[in-house]
Amino acid sequence: MFKPLDPLLHSELRLAIVSLLISAEGAEFPYIKEQTGATAGNLSVQIDKLSAAGYIEVEKTFKGKKPCTVCRITPTGLKAFEDYVEALKSYLDVK
């Protein structure tokens, strides 16, 4: 039987955000925006959803007088991503 896919990670943009953060210690908002091609508004909404689920942590600071938002994957987010990949494998019948 197929394993259920995490609906939070099944969104293309949220999956892209988490995928970027797995390979980075942290990523600033403009970098994530550039890499995903998302609009600032949509990216902000998706980051809020991932943060509310505990998949990422968001740190808001300033660089000089400019706001700086840094996102990092959490252990919960890493586990959710690993589970998502395993669930996908059940659909592909990859062992």
C-alpha atoms as a PDB file:
ATOM      1  CA  MET A   1       0.000   0.000   0.000  1.00  0.00           C
ATOM      2  CA  PHE A   2       1.073   3.585  -0.567  1.00  0.00           C
ATOM      3  CA  LYS A   3       2.313   5.629   2.343  1.00  0.00           C
ATOM      4  CA  PRO A   4       0.536   8.968   2.857  1.00  0.00           C
ATOM      5  CA  LEU A   5       2.351  12.060   1.599  1.00  0.00           C
ATOM      6  CA  ASP A   6       2.742  14.988   3.986  1.00  0.00           C
ATOM      7  CA  PRO A   7       0.356  17.601   2.532  1.00  0.00           C
ATOM      8  CA  LEU A   8       2.524  20.412   3.872  1.00  0.00           C
ATOM      9  CA  LEU A   9       5.540  19.207   1.888  1.00  0.00           C
ATOM     10  CA  HIS A  10       3.530  18.178  -1.147  1.00  0.00           C
ATOM     11  CA  SER A  11       3.387  21.815  -2.257  1.00  0.00           C
ATOM     12  CA  GLU A  12       6.083  22.523  -4.851  1.00  0.00           C
ATOM     13  CA  LEU A  13       7.240  25.762  -3.228  1.00  0.00           C
ATOM     14  CA  ARG A  14       7.285  24.440   0.346  1.00  0.00           C
ATOM     15  CA  LEU A  15       9.174  21.358  -0.809  1.00  0.00           C
ATOM     16  CA  ALA A  16      11.683  23.599  -2.600  1.00  0.00           C
ATOM     17  CA  ILE A  17      12.180  25.738   0.517  1.00  0.00           C
ATOM     18  CA  VAL A  18      12.809  22.716   2.734  1.00  0.00           C
ATOM     19  CA  SER A  19      15.104  21.157   0.122  1.00  0.00           C
ATOM     20  CA  LEU A  20      17.209  24.334   0.008  1.00  0.00           C
ATOM     21  CA  LEU A  21      17.437  24.544   3.778  1.00  0.00           C
ATOM     22  CA  ILE A  22      18.549  20.928   4.185  1.00  0.00           C
ATOM     23  CA  SER A  23      21.777  21.654   2.360  1.00  0.00           C
ATOM     24  CA  ALA A  24      22.416  25.000   4.070  1.00  0.00           C
ATOM     25  CA  GLU A  25      23.072  26.058   7.633  1.00  0.00           C
ATOM     26  CA  GLY A  26      20.618  28.871   7.016  1.00  0.00           C
ATOM     27  CA  ALA A  27      19.350  30.888   4.096  1.00  0.00           C
ATOM     28  CA  GLU A  28      18.275  34.495   3.813  1.00  0.00           C
ATOM     29  CA  PHE A  29      14.911  35.386   2.323  1.00  0.00           C
ATOM     30  CA  PRO A  30      16.317  36.972  -0.890  1.00  0.00           C
ATOM     31  CA  TYR A  31      18.377  33.842  -1.609  1.00  0.00           C
ATOM     32  CA  ILE A  32      15.372  31.549  -1.159  1.00  0.00           C
ATOM     33  CA  LYS A  33      13.292  33.889  -3.326  1.00  0.00           C
ATOM     34  CA  GLU A  34      15.908  33.865  -6.074  1.00  0.00           C
ATOM     35  CA  GLN A  35      16.397  30.096  -6.004  1.00  0.00           C
ATOM     36  CA  THR A  36      12.686  29.259  -6.021  1.00  0.00           C
ATOM     37  CA  GLY A  37      11.514  32.009  -8.376  1.00  0.00           C
ATOM     38  CA  ALA A  38       8.640  32.755  -5.998  1.00  0.00           C
ATOM     39  CA  THR A  39       7.130  36.148  -5.405  1.00  0.00           C
ATOM     40  CA  ALA A  40       7.956  37.763  -2.070  1.00  0.00           C
ATOM     41  CA  GLY A  41       4.331  37.548  -0.926  1.00  0.00           C
ATOM     42  CA  ASN A  42       3.865  33.874  -1.793  1.00  0.00           C
ATOM     43  CA  LEU A  43       7.232  32.948  -0.318  1.00  0.00           C
ATOM     44  CA  SER A  44       6.384  34.760   2.911  1.00  0.00           C
ATOM     45  CA  VAL A  45       3.078  32.869   3.231  1.00  0.00           C
ATOM     46  CA  GLN A  46       4.751  29.490   2.620  1.00  0.00           C
ATOM     47  CA  ILE A  47       7.553  30.242   5.089  1.00  0.00           C
ATOM     48  CA  ASP A  48       4.913  31.121   7.691  1.00  0.00           C
ATOM     49  CA  LYS A  49       3.170  27.767   7.098  1.00  0.00           C
ATOM     50  CA  LEU A  50       6.410  25.812   7.448  1.00  0.00           C
ATOM     51  CA  SER A  51       7.333  27.783  10.556  1.00  0.00           C
ATOM     52  CA  ALA A  52       3.914  27.231  12.157  1.00  0.00           C
ATOM     53  CA  ALA A  53       4.336  23.478  11.608  1.00  0.00           C
ATOM     54  CA  GLY A  54       7.754  23.581  13.276  1.00  0.00           C
ATOM     55  CA  TYR A  55       9.548  22.488  10.089  1.00  0.00           C
ATOM     56  CA  ILE A  56      11.690  25.615   9.912  1.00  0.00           C
ATOM     57  CA  GLU A  57      12.712  28.369  12.269  1.00  0.00           C
ATOM     58  CA  VAL A  58      12.703  31.983  11.180  1.00  0.00           C
ATOM     59  CA  GLU A  59      15.011  34.609  12.617  1.00  0.00           C
ATOM     60  CA  LYS A  60      14.261  38.247  11.851  1.00  0.00           C
ATOM     61  CA  THR A  61      17.083  40.694  12.443  1.00  0.00           C
ATOM     62  CA  PHE A  62      18.579  43.741  10.783  1.00  0.00           C
ATOM     63  CA  LYS A  63      21.690  44.222   8.657  1.00  0.00           C
ATOM     64  CA  GLY A  64      22.368  47.839   9.305  1.00  0.00           C
ATOM     65  CA  LYS A  65      18.961  49.405   8.764  1.00  0.00           C
ATOM     66  CA  LYS A  66      17.657  46.709   6.417  1.00  0.00           C
ATOM     67  CA  PRO A  67      15.535  43.832   7.708  1.00  0.00           C
ATOM     68  CA  CYS A  68      17.092  40.381   7.357  1.00  0.00           C
ATOM     69  CA  THR A  69      15.090  37.157   7.547  1.00  0.00           C
ATOM     70  CA  VAL A  70      17.052  33.917   7.927  1.00  0.00           C
ATOM     71  CA  CYS A  71      15.405  30.500   7.724  1.00  0.00           C
ATOM     72  CA  ARG A  72      16.793  27.239   9.081  1.00  0.00           C
ATOM     73  CA  ILE A  73      15.519  23.670   8.943  1.00  0.00           C
ATOM     74  CA  THR A  74      14.575  22.155  12.319  1.00  0.00           C
ATOM     75  CA  PRO A  75      15.008  18.513  13.383  1.00  0.00           C
ATOM     76  CA  THR A  76      11.232  18.160  12.956  1.00  0.00           C
ATOM     77  CA  GLY A  77      11.475  19.522   9.419  1.00  0.00           C
ATOM     78  CA  LEU A  78      14.364  17.223   8.560  1.00  0.00           C
ATOM     79  CA  LYS A  79      12.422  14.200   9.837  1.00  0.00           C
ATOM     80  CA  ALA A  80       9.318  15.273   7.898  1.00  0.00           C
ATOM     81  CA  PHE A  81      11.401  15.605   4.722  1.00  0.00           C
ATOM     82  CA  GLU A  82      12.986  12.175   5.218  1.00  0.00           C
ATOM     83  CA  ASP A  83       9.545  10.631   5.810  1.00  0.00           C
ATOM     84  CA  TYR A  84       8.219  12.391   2.704  1.00  0.00           C
ATOM     85  CA  VAL A  85      11.032  10.968   0.567  1.00  0.00           C
ATOM     86  CA  GLU A  86      10.384   7.479   1.945  1.00  0.00           C
ATOM     87  CA  ALA A  87       6.670   7.845   1.198  1.00  0.00           C
ATOM     88  CA  LEU A  88       7.470   8.922  -2.372  1.00  0.00           C
ATOM     89  CA  LYS A  89       9.587   5.825  -2.803  1.00  0.00           C
ATOM     90  CA  SER A  90       6.531   3.703  -2.062  1.00  0.00           C
ATOM     91  CA  TYR A  91       4.841   5.304  -5.066  1.00  0.00           C
ATOM     92  CA  LEU A  92       7.861   4.643  -7.249  1.00  0.00           C
ATOM     93  CA  ASP A  93       8.402   1.139  -5.860  1.00  0.00           C
ATOM     94  CA  VAL A  94      12.028   2.022  -5.180  1.00  0.00           C
ATOM     95  CA  LYS A  95      13.669   0.012  -2.408  1.00  0.00           C
END
